[in-house]
Amino acid sequence: MALDVSSIQSSPHSLREGPRYAQAAAAEAAAAAGQGAAAAPIDLQQAVRDLQQLSAAFNTRLSFSLNEKLGQVVVKVIDNDTDKIVREIPPSELQHVYERIREVIGLLFDKSA
C-alpha cells in the first residue's frame, strides 16, 4: 500500500497552522483520493517506511517520536550529511508553549478541588 502525498502537498493547509488544519488537510487528501469515511485503516508502519523512502530522495531522514507530556507525535527532518535537524514538526518552541498552557490550565482548574 503506497502513501500518495501529492494531494497533501498541494493542499492549501500547512502544518504550521496547527493540528486541526493538518487533520483537515488529511481529510481533504482522503476525499481527493476517492476514499470515504469507511476507508480501510492505513498500515502505520508501511506509511512510515514510504515517508522515509521519500525523504531519502531529498538527502534527509525522518525521525518520529512521541512527546509524552502532550501525547503528540513529533517529526524531525534530519540532514544526512551534517546530522543536524533541518525542521521539527511541531516546532520545539510551540511544544513548550503547549506544555505551559496545560500546566496553567491544570493550576486554574485543579481536579482535586
PDB file of N, CA and C in Angstrom:
ATOM      1  N   MET A   1       0.849  -1.177   0.000  1.00  0.00           N
ATOM      2  CA  MET A   1       0.000   0.000   0.000  1.00  0.00           C
ATOM      3  C   MET A   1       0.890   1.235   0.000  1.00  0.00           C
ATOM      4  N   ALA A   2       0.802   2.045  -1.006  1.00  0.00           N
ATOM      5  CA  ALA A   2       1.634   3.229  -1.144  1.00  0.00           C
ATOM      6  C   ALA A   2       0.911   4.435  -0.563  1.00  0.00           C
ATOM      7  N   LEU A   3       1.688   5.338  -0.030  1.00  0.00           N
ATOM      8  CA  LEU A   3       1.141   6.559   0.539  1.00  0.00           C
ATOM      9  C   LEU A   3       1.305   7.668  -0.483  1.00  0.00           C
ATOM     10  N   ASP A   4       0.205   8.171  -1.011  1.00  0.00           N
ATOM     11  CA  ASP A   4       0.230   9.221  -2.018  1.00  0.00           C
ATOM     12  C   ASP A   4       0.231  10.563  -1.309  1.00  0.00           C
ATOM     13  N   VAL A   5       1.365  11.286  -1.391  1.00  0.00           N
ATOM     14  CA  VAL A   5       1.468  12.577  -0.713  1.00  0.00           C
ATOM     15  C   VAL A   5       1.268  13.741  -1.665  1.00  0.00           C
ATOM     16  N   SER A   6       1.039  13.475  -2.952  1.00  0.00           N
ATOM     17  CA  SER A   6       0.893  14.571  -3.904  1.00  0.00           C
ATOM     18  C   SER A   6      -0.311  15.440  -3.591  1.00  0.00           C
ATOM     19  N   SER A   7      -1.405  14.814  -3.179  1.00  0.00           N
ATOM     20  CA  SER A   7      -2.594  15.609  -2.868  1.00  0.00           C
ATOM     21  C   SER A   7      -2.435  16.353  -1.554  1.00  0.00           C
ATOM     22  N   ILE A   8      -1.628  15.833  -0.652  1.00  0.00           N
ATOM     23  CA  ILE A   8      -1.396  16.526   0.614  1.00  0.00           C
ATOM     24  C   ILE A   8      -0.524  17.734   0.382  1.00  0.00           C
ATOM     25  N   GLN A   9       0.511  17.600  -0.458  1.00  0.00           N
ATOM     26  CA  GLN A   9       1.403  18.711  -0.721  1.00  0.00           C
ATOM     27  C   GLN A   9       0.691  19.846  -1.427  1.00  0.00           C
ATOM     28  N   SER A  10      -0.300  19.554  -2.240  1.00  0.00           N
ATOM     29  CA  SER A  10      -0.993  20.604  -2.967  1.00  0.00           C
ATOM     30  C   SER A  10      -2.126  21.218  -2.156  1.00  0.00           C
ATOM     31  N   SER A  11      -2.311  20.740  -0.946  1.00  0.00           N
ATOM     32  CA  SER A  11      -3.374  21.252  -0.093  1.00  0.00           C
ATOM     33  C   SER A  11      -3.057  22.678   0.346  1.00  0.00           C
ATOM     34  N   PRO A  12      -4.058  23.539   0.484  1.00  0.00           N
ATOM     35  CA  PRO A  12      -3.802  24.911   0.913  1.00  0.00           C
ATOM     36  C   PRO A  12      -3.442  25.002   2.385  1.00  0.00           C
ATOM     37  N   HIS A  13      -3.628  23.916   3.128  1.00  0.00           N
ATOM     38  CA  HIS A  13      -3.324  23.932   4.554  1.00  0.00           C
ATOM     39  C   HIS A  13      -1.867  23.596   4.771  1.00  0.00           C
ATOM     40  N   SER A  14      -1.319  24.108   5.848  1.00  0.00           N
ATOM     41  CA  SER A  14       0.083  23.884   6.164  1.00  0.00           C
ATOM     42  C   SER A  14       0.189  23.340   7.575  1.00  0.00           C
ATOM     43  N   LEU A  15       1.248  22.573   7.850  1.00  0.00           N
ATOM     44  CA  LEU A  15       1.453  22.063   9.206  1.00  0.00           C
ATOM     45  C   LEU A  15       1.744  23.193  10.185  1.00  0.00           C
ATOM     46  N   ARG A  16       2.180  24.317   9.668  1.00  0.00           N
ATOM     47  CA  ARG A  16       2.466  25.454  10.538  1.00  0.00           C
ATOM     48  C   ARG A  16       1.192  26.037  11.149  1.00  0.00           C
ATOM     49  N   GLU A  17       0.057  25.720  10.555  1.00  0.00           N
ATOM     50  CA  GLU A  17      -1.193  26.299  11.020  1.00  0.00           C
ATOM     51  C   GLU A  17      -1.797  25.523  12.182  1.00  0.00           C
ATOM     52  N   GLY A  18      -1.216  24.428  12.582  1.00  0.00           N
ATOM     53  CA  GLY A  18      -1.700  23.708  13.745  1.00  0.00           C
ATOM     54  C   GLY A  18      -2.314  22.368  13.409  1.00  0.00           C
ATOM     55  N   PRO A  19      -2.535  21.555  14.439  1.00  0.00           N
ATOM     56  CA  PRO A  19      -3.021  20.200  14.232  1.00  0.00           C
ATOM     57  C   PRO A  19      -4.407  20.125  13.598  1.00  0.00           C
ATOM     58  N   ARG A  20      -5.284  21.070  13.907  1.00  0.00           N
ATOM     59  CA  ARG A  20      -6.637  20.979  13.351  1.00  0.00           C
ATOM     60  C   ARG A  20      -6.616  21.175  11.845  1.00  0.00           C
ATOM     61  N   TYR A  21      -5.701  22.002  11.339  1.00  0.00           N
ATOM     62  CA  TYR A  21      -5.588  22.189   9.904  1.00  0.00           C
ATOM     63  C   TYR A  21      -4.942  20.980   9.245  1.00  0.00           C
ATOM     64  N   ALA A  22      -4.004  20.348   9.939  1.00  0.00           N
ATOM     65  CA  ALA A  22      -3.376  19.142   9.393  1.00  0.00           C
ATOM     66  C   ALA A  22      -4.410  18.033   9.265  1.00  0.00           C
ATOM     67  N   GLN A  23      -5.323  17.941  10.236  1.00  0.00           N
ATOM     68  CA  GLN A  23      -6.375  16.933  10.158  1.00  0.00           C
ATOM     69  C   GLN A  23      -7.310  17.241   8.996  1.00  0.00           C
ATOM     70  N   ALA A  24      -7.602  18.514   8.786  1.00  0.00           N
ATOM     71  CA  ALA A  24      -8.463  18.907   7.670  1.00  0.00           C
ATOM     72  C   ALA A  24      -7.776  18.590   6.347  1.00  0.00           C
ATOM     73  N   ALA A  25      -6.467  18.821   6.270  1.00  0.00           N
ATOM     74  CA  ALA A  25      -5.723  18.518   5.049  1.00  0.00           C
ATOM     75  C   ALA A  25      -5.722  17.020   4.782  1.00  0.00           C
ATOM     76  N   ALA A  26      -5.584  16.221   5.835  1.00  0.00           N
ATOM     77  CA  ALA A  26      -5.607  14.769   5.670  1.00  0.00           C
ATOM     78  C   ALA A  26      -6.984  14.307   5.191  1.00  0.00           C
ATOM     79  N   ALA A  27      -8.033  14.919   5.717  1.00  0.00           N
ATOM     80  CA  ALA A  27      -9.390  14.567   5.287  1.00  0.00           C
ATOM     81  C   ALA A  27      -9.604  14.948   3.825  1.00  0.00           C
ATOM     82  N   GLU A  28      -9.087  16.119   3.426  1.00  0.00           N
ATOM     83  CA  GLU A  28      -9.194  16.540   2.036  1.00  0.00           C
ATOM     84  C   GLU A  28      -8.430  15.587   1.122  1.00  0.00           C
ATOM     85  N   ALA A  29      -7.257  15.170   1.564  1.00  0.00           N
ATOM     86  CA  ALA A  29      -6.444  14.256   0.756  1.00  0.00           C
ATOM     87  C   ALA A  29      -7.156  12.924   0.589  1.00  0.00           C
ATOM     88  N   ALA A  30      -7.785  12.439   1.659  1.00  0.00           N
ATOM     89  CA  ALA A  30      -8.515  11.174   1.583  1.00  0.00           C
ATOM     90  C   ALA A  30      -9.709  11.306   0.642  1.00  0.00           C
ATOM     91  N   ALA A  31     -10.392  12.446   0.698  1.00  0.00           N
ATOM     92  CA  ALA A  31     -11.536  12.663  -0.183  1.00  0.00           C
ATOM     93  C   ALA A  31     -11.078  12.773  -1.633  1.00  0.00           C
ATOM     94  N   ALA A  32      -9.937  13.432  -1.856  1.00  0.00           N
ATOM     95  CA  ALA A  32      -9.421  13.575  -3.214  1.00  0.00           C
ATOM     96  C   ALA A  32      -8.991  12.232  -3.788  1.00  0.00           C
ATOM     97  N   ALA A  33      -8.562  11.330  -2.926  1.00  0.00           N
ATOM     98  CA  ALA A  33      -8.126  10.012  -3.388  1.00  0.00           C
ATOM     99  C   ALA A  33      -9.307   9.073  -3.581  1.00  0.00           C
ATOM    100  N   GLY A  34     -10.522   9.562  -3.315  1.00  0.00           N
ATOM    101  CA  GLY A  34     -11.714   8.748  -3.513  1.00  0.00           C
ATOM    102  C   GLY A  34     -12.016   7.844  -2.339  1.00  0.00           C
ATOM    103  N   GLN A  35     -11.447   8.138  -1.184  1.00  0.00           N
ATOM    104  CA  GLN A  35     -11.695   7.334  -0.002  1.00  0.00           C
ATOM    105  C   GLN A  35     -12.745   8.035   0.844  1.00  0.00           C
ATOM    106  N   GLY A  36     -13.673   7.283   1.364  1.00  0.00           N
ATOM    107  CA  GLY A  36     -14.705   7.848   2.213  1.00  0.00           C
ATOM    108  C   GLY A  36     -14.388   7.598   3.671  1.00  0.00           C
ATOM    109  N   ALA A  37     -15.389   7.801   4.510  1.00  0.00           N
ATOM    110  CA  ALA A  37     -15.213   7.599   5.939  1.00  0.00           C
ATOM    111  C   ALA A  37     -15.006   6.129   6.272  1.00  0.00           C
ATOM    112  N   ALA A  38     -15.444   5.237   5.390  1.00  0.00           N
ATOM    113  CA  ALA A  38     -15.320   3.804   5.645  1.00  0.00           C
ATOM    114  C   ALA A  38     -14.060   3.234   4.996  1.00  0.00           C
ATOM    115  N   ALA A  39     -13.044   4.051   4.777  1.00  0.00           N
ATOM    116  CA  ALA A  39     -11.822   3.585   4.141  1.00  0.00           C
ATOM    117  C   ALA A  39     -11.084   2.626   5.062  1.00  0.00           C
ATOM    118  N   ALA A  40     -10.323   1.737   4.453  1.00  0.00           N
ATOM    119  CA  ALA A  40      -9.546   0.771   5.225  1.00  0.00           C
ATOM    120  C   ALA A  40      -8.484   1.508   6.035  1.00  0.00           C
ATOM    121  N   PRO A  41      -8.177   1.018   7.222  1.00  0.00           N
ATOM    122  CA  PRO A  41      -7.167   1.689   8.039  1.00  0.00           C
ATOM    123  C   PRO A  41      -5.795   1.633   7.363  1.00  0.00           C
ATOM    124  N   ILE A  42      -5.021   2.679   7.548  1.00  0.00           N
ATOM    125  CA  ILE A  42      -3.691   2.761   6.951  1.00  0.00           C
ATOM    126  C   ILE A  42      -2.715   1.985   7.822  1.00  0.00           C
ATOM    127  N   ASP A  43      -1.868   1.200   7.186  1.00  0.00           N
ATOM    128  CA  ASP A  43      -0.810   0.498   7.897  1.00  0.00           C
ATOM    129  C   ASP A  43       0.245   1.532   8.271  1.00  0.00           C
ATOM    130  N   LEU A  44       0.336   1.846   9.539  1.00  0.00           N
ATOM    131  CA  LEU A  44       1.202   2.921  10.003  1.00  0.00           C
ATOM    132  C   LEU A  44       2.669   2.635   9.703  1.00  0.00           C
ATOM    133  N   GLN A  45       3.093   1.415   9.927  1.00  0.00           N
ATOM    134  CA  GLN A  45       4.495   1.079   9.675  1.00  0.00           C
ATOM    135  C   GLN A  45       4.837   1.226   8.191  1.00  0.00           C
ATOM    136  N   GLN A  46       3.927   0.824   7.329  1.00  0.00           N
ATOM    137  CA  GLN A  46       4.166   0.967   5.889  1.00  0.00           C
ATOM    138  C   GLN A  46       4.195   2.442   5.504  1.00  0.00           C
ATOM    139  N   ALA A  47       3.323   3.235   6.084  1.00  0.00           N
ATOM    140  CA  ALA A  47       3.307   4.667   5.789  1.00  0.00           C
ATOM    141  C   ALA A  47       4.618   5.317   6.216  1.00  0.00           C
ATOM    142  N   VAL A  48       5.136   4.924   7.376  1.00  0.00           N
ATOM    143  CA  VAL A  48       6.411   5.470   7.845  1.00  0.00           C
ATOM    144  C   VAL A  48       7.536   5.059   6.897  1.00  0.00           C
ATOM    145  N   ARG A  49       7.533   3.807   6.461  1.00  0.00           N
ATOM    146  CA  ARG A  49       8.556   3.350   5.508  1.00  0.00           C
ATOM    147  C   ARG A  49       8.481   4.132   4.201  1.00  0.00           C
ATOM    148  N   ASP A  50       7.272   4.381   3.724  1.00  0.00           N
ATOM    149  CA  ASP A  50       7.101   5.154   2.498  1.00  0.00           C
ATOM    150  C   ASP A  50       7.619   6.582   2.660  1.00  0.00           C
ATOM    151  N   LEU A  51       7.332   7.191   3.792  1.00  0.00           N
ATOM    152  CA  LEU A  51       7.814   8.551   4.043  1.00  0.00           C
ATOM    153  C   LEU A  51       9.332   8.586   4.152  1.00  0.00           C
ATOM    154  N   GLN A  52       9.919   7.564   4.764  1.00  0.00           N
ATOM    155  CA  GLN A  52      11.373   7.519   4.870  1.00  0.00           C
ATOM    156  C   GLN A  52      12.021   7.354   3.506  1.00  0.00           C
ATOM    157  N   GLN A  53      11.411   6.555   2.635  1.00  0.00           N
ATOM    158  CA  GLN A  53      11.941   6.407   1.275  1.00  0.00           C
ATOM    159  C   GLN A  53      11.842   7.728   0.516  1.00  0.00           C
ATOM    160  N   LEU A  54      10.751   8.427   0.702  1.00  0.00           N
ATOM    161  CA  LEU A  54      10.573   9.719   0.049  1.00  0.00           C
ATOM    162  C   LEU A  54      11.607  10.720   0.550  1.00  0.00           C
ATOM    163  N   SER A  55      11.855  10.735   1.849  1.00  0.00           N
ATOM    164  CA  SER A  55      12.819  11.683   2.408  1.00  0.00           C
ATOM    165  C   SER A  55      14.239  11.359   1.962  1.00  0.00           C
ATOM    166  N   ALA A  56      14.546  10.084   1.696  1.00  0.00           N
ATOM    167  CA  ALA A  56      15.883   9.708   1.236  1.00  0.00           C
ATOM    168  C   ALA A  56      16.190  10.356  -0.113  1.00  0.00           C
ATOM    169  N   ALA A  57      15.184  10.590  -0.912  1.00  0.00           N
ATOM    170  CA  ALA A  57      15.382  11.246  -2.204  1.00  0.00           C
ATOM    171  C   ALA A  57      15.859  12.686  -2.033  1.00  0.00           C
ATOM    172  N   PHE A  58      15.587  13.286  -0.896  1.00  0.00           N
ATOM    173  CA  PHE A  58      15.988  14.672  -0.620  1.00  0.00           C
ATOM    174  C   PHE A  58      17.201  14.737   0.296  1.00  0.00           C
ATOM    175  N   ASN A  59      17.924  13.603   0.439  1.00  0.00           N
ATOM    176  CA  ASN A  59      19.117  13.520   1.273  1.00  0.00           C
ATOM    177  C   ASN A  59      18.817  13.887   2.729  1.00  0.00           C
ATOM    178  N   THR A  60      17.657  13.484   3.184  1.00  0.00           N
ATOM    179  CA  THR A  60      17.273  13.695   4.580  1.00  0.00           C
ATOM    180  C   THR A  60      16.706  12.404   5.125  1.00  0.00           C
ATOM    181  N   ARG A  61      16.530  12.358   6.428  1.00  0.00           N
ATOM    182  CA  ARG A  61      15.839  11.227   7.044  1.00  0.00           C
ATOM    183  C   ARG A  61      14.836  11.777   8.046  1.00  0.00           C
ATOM    184  N   LEU A  62      13.843  10.974   8.338  1.00  0.00           N
ATOM    185  CA  LEU A  62      12.788  11.379   9.262  1.00  0.00           C
ATOM    186  C   LEU A  62      12.933  10.615  10.565  1.00  0.00           C
ATOM    187  N   SER A  63      12.706  11.313  11.650  1.00  0.00           N
ATOM    188  CA  SER A  63      12.710  10.704  12.966  1.00  0.00           C
ATOM    189  C   SER A  63      11.355  10.979  13.608  1.00  0.00           C
ATOM    190  N   PHE A  64      10.654   9.912  13.973  1.00  0.00           N
ATOM    191  CA  PHE A  64       9.343  10.040  14.595  1.00  0.00           C
ATOM    192  C   PHE A  64       9.483   9.732  16.081  1.00  0.00           C
ATOM    193  N   SER A  65       8.908  10.602  16.907  1.00  0.00           N
ATOM    194  CA  SER A  65       8.916  10.364  18.351  1.00  0.00           C
ATOM    195  C   SER A  65       7.590  10.847  18.931  1.00  0.00           C
ATOM    196  N   LEU A  66       7.395  10.534  20.196  1.00  0.00           N
ATOM    197  CA  LEU A  66       6.153  10.918  20.873  1.00  0.00           C
ATOM    198  C   LEU A  66       6.484  11.833  22.037  1.00  0.00           C
ATOM    199  N   ASN A  67       5.891  13.005  22.061  1.00  0.00           N
ATOM    200  CA  ASN A  67       6.005  13.894  23.203  1.00  0.00           C
ATOM    201  C   ASN A  67       4.986  13.394  24.216  1.00  0.00           C
ATOM    202  N   GLU A  68       5.467  12.729  25.257  1.00  0.00           N
ATOM    203  CA  GLU A  68       4.565  12.069  26.197  1.00  0.00           C
ATOM    204  C   GLU A  68       3.747  13.066  27.020  1.00  0.00           C
ATOM    205  N   LYS A  69       4.281  14.247  27.277  1.00  0.00           N
ATOM    206  CA  LYS A  69       3.526  15.251  28.025  1.00  0.00           C
ATOM    207  C   LYS A  69       2.294  15.716  27.260  1.00  0.00           C
ATOM    208  N   LEU A  70       2.430  15.785  25.936  1.00  0.00           N
ATOM    209  CA  LEU A  70       1.336  16.265  25.106  1.00  0.00           C
ATOM    210  C   LEU A  70       0.565  15.141  24.439  1.00  0.00           C
ATOM    211  N   GLY A  71       1.168  13.939  24.365  1.00  0.00           N
ATOM    212  CA  GLY A  71       0.545  12.846  23.639  1.00  0.00           C
ATOM    213  C   GLY A  71       0.501  13.146  22.151  1.00  0.00           C
ATOM    214  N   GLN A  72       1.560  13.790  21.655  1.00  0.00           N
ATOM    215  CA  GLN A  72       1.592  14.274  20.284  1.00  0.00           C
ATOM    216  C   GLN A  72       2.829  13.724  19.569  1.00  0.00           C
ATOM    217  N   VAL A  73       2.676  13.359  18.319  1.00  0.00           N
ATOM    218  CA  VAL A  73       3.798  12.860  17.527  1.00  0.00           C
ATOM    219  C   VAL A  73       4.650  14.040  17.082  1.00  0.00           C
ATOM    220  N   VAL A  74       5.971  13.874  17.189  1.00  0.00           N
ATOM    221  CA  VAL A  74       6.920  14.889  16.763  1.00  0.00           C
ATOM    222  C   VAL A  74       7.757  14.291  15.637  1.00  0.00           C
ATOM    223  N   VAL A  75       7.853  15.010  14.536  1.00  0.00           N
ATOM    224  CA  VAL A  75       8.635  14.563  13.387  1.00  0.00           C
ATOM    225  C   VAL A  75       9.821  15.498  13.231  1.00  0.00           C
ATOM    226  N   LYS A  76      11.018  14.903  13.135  1.00  0.00           N
ATOM    227  CA  LYS A  76      12.229  15.685  12.900  1.00  0.00           C
ATOM    228  C   LYS A  76      12.769  15.312  11.525  1.00  0.00           C
ATOM    229  N   VAL A  77      13.075  16.336  10.730  1.00  0.00           N
ATOM    230  CA  VAL A  77      13.706  16.147   9.433  1.00  0.00           C
ATOM    231  C   VAL A  77      15.190  16.416   9.645  1.00  0.00           C
ATOM    232  N   ILE A  78      16.023  15.402   9.384  1.00  0.00           N
ATOM    233  CA  ILE A  78      17.448  15.473   9.692  1.00  0.00           C
ATOM    234  C   ILE A  78      18.249  15.368   8.404  1.00  0.00           C
ATOM    235  N   ASP A  79      19.217  16.265   8.238  1.00  0.00           N
ATOM    236  CA  ASP A  79      20.099  16.237   7.071  1.00  0.00           C
ATOM    237  C   ASP A  79      21.064  15.063   7.218  1.00  0.00           C
ATOM    238  N   ASN A  80      21.165  14.223   6.194  1.00  0.00           N
ATOM    239  CA  ASN A  80      22.041  13.045   6.254  1.00  0.00           C
ATOM    240  C   ASN A  80      23.517  13.408   6.319  1.00  0.00           C
ATOM    241  N   ASP A  81      23.924  14.486   5.659  1.00  0.00           N
ATOM    242  CA  ASP A  81      25.342  14.851   5.616  1.00  0.00           C
ATOM    243  C   ASP A  81      25.837  15.422   6.928  1.00  0.00           C
ATOM    244  N   THR A  82      25.055  16.308   7.548  1.00  0.00           N
ATOM    245  CA  THR A  82      25.513  17.007   8.749  1.00  0.00           C
ATOM    246  C   THR A  82      24.906  16.472  10.042  1.00  0.00           C
ATOM    247  N   ASP A  83      23.899  15.609   9.936  1.00  0.00           N
ATOM    248  CA  ASP A  83      23.163  15.095  11.098  1.00  0.00           C
ATOM    249  C   ASP A  83      22.542  16.211  11.944  1.00  0.00           C
ATOM    250  N   LYS A  84      22.230  17.322  11.319  1.00  0.00           N
ATOM    251  CA  LYS A  84      21.572  18.424  12.010  1.00  0.00           C
ATOM    252  C   LYS A  84      20.084  18.387  11.691  1.00  0.00           C
ATOM    253  N   ILE A  85      19.296  18.841  12.649  1.00  0.00           N
ATOM    254  CA  ILE A  85      17.843  18.894  12.468  1.00  0.00           C
ATOM    255  C   ILE A  85      17.515  20.071  11.559  1.00  0.00           C
ATOM    256  N   VAL A  86      16.902  19.769  10.425  1.00  0.00           N
ATOM    257  CA  VAL A  86      16.510  20.795   9.470  1.00  0.00           C
ATOM    258  C   VAL A  86      15.194  21.421   9.899  1.00  0.00           C
ATOM    259  N   ARG A  87      14.253  20.581  10.331  1.00  0.00           N
ATOM    260  CA  ARG A  87      12.936  21.046  10.727  1.00  0.00           C
ATOM    261  C   ARG A  87      12.359  20.095  11.757  1.00  0.00           C
ATOM    262  N   GLU A  88      11.601  20.636  12.680  1.00  0.00           N
ATOM    263  CA  GLU A  88      10.882  19.842  13.670  1.00  0.00           C
ATOM    264  C   GLU A  88       9.416  20.240  13.609  1.00  0.00           C
ATOM    265  N   ILE A  89       8.553  19.238  13.518  1.00  0.00           N
ATOM    266  CA  ILE A  89       7.122  19.497  13.379  1.00  0.00           C
ATOM    267  C   ILE A  89       6.392  18.794  14.516  1.00  0.00           C
ATOM    268  N   PRO A  90       5.674  19.445  15.390  1.00  0.00           N
ATOM    269  CA  PRO A  90       5.628  20.893  15.570  1.00  0.00           C
ATOM    270  C   PRO A  90       6.935  21.407  16.163  1.00  0.00           C
ATOM    271  N   PRO A  91       7.244  22.684  15.954  1.00  0.00           N
ATOM    272  CA  PRO A  91       8.495  23.248  16.471  1.00  0.00           C
ATOM    273  C   PRO A  91       8.589  23.101  17.992  1.00  0.00           C
ATOM    274  N   SER A  92       9.816  22.953  18.475  1.00  0.00           N
ATOM    275  CA  SER A  92      10.018  22.737  19.909  1.00  0.00           C
ATOM    276  C   SER A  92       9.470  23.901  20.736  1.00  0.00           C
ATOM    277  N   GLU A  93       9.570  25.113  20.210  1.00  0.00           N
ATOM    278  CA  GLU A  93       9.043  26.266  20.937  1.00  0.00           C
ATOM    279  C   GLU A  93       7.534  26.136  21.129  1.00  0.00           C
ATOM    280  N   LEU A  94       6.858  25.683  20.094  1.00  0.00           N
ATOM    281  CA  LEU A  94       5.412  25.505  20.172  1.00  0.00           C
ATOM    282  C   LEU A  94       5.054  24.380  21.142  1.00  0.00           C
ATOM    283  N   GLN A  95       5.863  23.343  21.183  1.00  0.00           N
ATOM    284  CA  GLN A  95       5.639  22.262  22.137  1.00  0.00           C
ATOM    285  C   GLN A  95       5.745  22.775  23.564  1.00  0.00           C
ATOM    286  N   HIS A  96       6.752  23.629  23.813  1.00  0.00           N
ATOM    287  CA  HIS A  96       6.905  24.199  25.154  1.00  0.00           C
ATOM    288  C   HIS A  96       5.717  25.083  25.524  1.00  0.00           C
ATOM    289  N   VAL A  97       5.212  25.841  24.557  1.00  0.00           N
ATOM    290  CA  VAL A  97       4.043  26.692  24.809  1.00  0.00           C
ATOM    291  C   VAL A  97       2.841  25.827  25.168  1.00  0.00           C
ATOM    292  N   TYR A  98       2.616  24.742  24.406  1.00  0.00           N
ATOM    293  CA  TYR A  98       1.500  23.832  24.702  1.00  0.00           C
ATOM    294  C   TYR A  98       1.630  23.251  26.113  1.00  0.00           C
ATOM    295  N   GLU A  99       2.859  22.856  26.482  1.00  0.00           N
ATOM    296  CA  GLU A  99       3.082  22.289  27.808  1.00  0.00           C
ATOM    297  C   GLU A  99       2.764  23.305  28.900  1.00  0.00           C
ATOM    298  N   ARG A 100       3.217  24.544  28.703  1.00  0.00           N
ATOM    299  CA  ARG A 100       2.948  25.595  29.707  1.00  0.00           C
ATOM    300  C   ARG A 100       1.450  25.886  29.805  1.00  0.00           C
ATOM    301  N   ILE A 101       0.756  25.903  28.676  1.00  0.00           N
ATOM    302  CA  ILE A 101      -0.686  26.148  28.696  1.00  0.00           C
ATOM    303  C   ILE A 101      -1.381  25.054  29.488  1.00  0.00           C
ATOM    304  N   ARG A 102      -0.972  23.812  29.266  1.00  0.00           N
ATOM    305  CA  ARG A 102      -1.574  22.706  30.022  1.00  0.00           C
ATOM    306  C   ARG A 102      -1.288  22.817  31.507  1.00  0.00           C
ATOM    307  N   GLU A 103      -0.065  23.252  31.860  1.00  0.00           N
ATOM    308  CA  GLU A 103       0.270  23.436  33.272  1.00  0.00           C
ATOM    309  C   GLU A 103      -0.599  24.516  33.899  1.00  0.00           C
ATOM    310  N   VAL A 104      -0.759  25.635  33.188  1.00  0.00           N
ATOM    311  CA  VAL A 104      -1.556  26.750  33.712  1.00  0.00           C
ATOM    312  C   VAL A 104      -3.018  26.333  33.847  1.00  0.00           C
ATOM    313  N   ILE A 105      -3.534  25.631  32.854  1.00  0.00           N
ATOM    314  CA  ILE A 105      -4.914  25.158  32.939  1.00  0.00           C
ATOM    315  C   ILE A 105      -5.064  24.209  34.120  1.00  0.00           C
ATOM    316  N   GLY A 106      -4.051  23.377  34.344  1.00  0.00           N
ATOM    317  CA  GLY A 106      -4.083  22.474  35.492  1.00  0.00           C
ATOM    318  C   GLY A 106      -4.103  23.220  36.811  1.00  0.00           C
ATOM    319  N   LEU A 107      -3.386  24.348  36.882  1.00  0.00           N
ATOM    320  CA  LEU A 107      -3.381  25.146  38.108  1.00  0.00           C
ATOM    321  C   LEU A 107      -4.709  25.854  38.306  1.00  0.00           C
ATOM    322  N   LEU A 108      -5.302  26.342  37.209  1.00  0.00           N
ATOM    323  CA  LEU A 108      -6.573  27.056  37.305  1.00  0.00           C
ATOM    324  C   LEU A 108      -7.736  26.133  37.654  1.00  0.00           C
ATOM    325  N   PHE A 109      -7.722  24.955  37.042  1.00  0.00           N
ATOM    326  CA  PHE A 109      -8.815  24.012  37.216  1.00  0.00           C
ATOM    327  C   PHE A 109      -8.292  22.734  37.859  1.00  0.00           C
ATOM    328  N   ASP A 110      -7.903  22.836  39.099  1.00  0.00           N
ATOM    329  CA  ASP A 110      -7.345  21.685  39.802  1.00  0.00           C
ATOM    330  C   ASP A 110      -8.424  20.626  39.993  1.00  0.00           C
ATOM    331  N   LYS A 111      -8.165  19.424  39.552  1.00  0.00           N
ATOM    332  CA  LYS A 111      -9.154  18.353  39.604  1.00  0.00           C
ATOM    333  C   LYS A 111      -9.407  17.849  41.021  1.00  0.00           C
ATOM    334  N   SER A 112      -8.485  18.095  41.934  1.00  0.00           N
ATOM    335  CA  SER A 112      -8.656  17.604  43.309  1.00  0.00           C
ATOM    336  C   SER A 112      -9.584  18.505  44.121  1.00  0.00           C
ATOM    337  N   ALA A 113      -9.899  19.686  43.643  1.00  0.00           N
ATOM    338  CA  ALA A 113     -10.735  20.616  44.407  1.00  0.00           C
ATOM    339  C   ALA A 113     -12.196  20.274  44.313  1.00  0.00           C
TER     340      ALA A 113
END
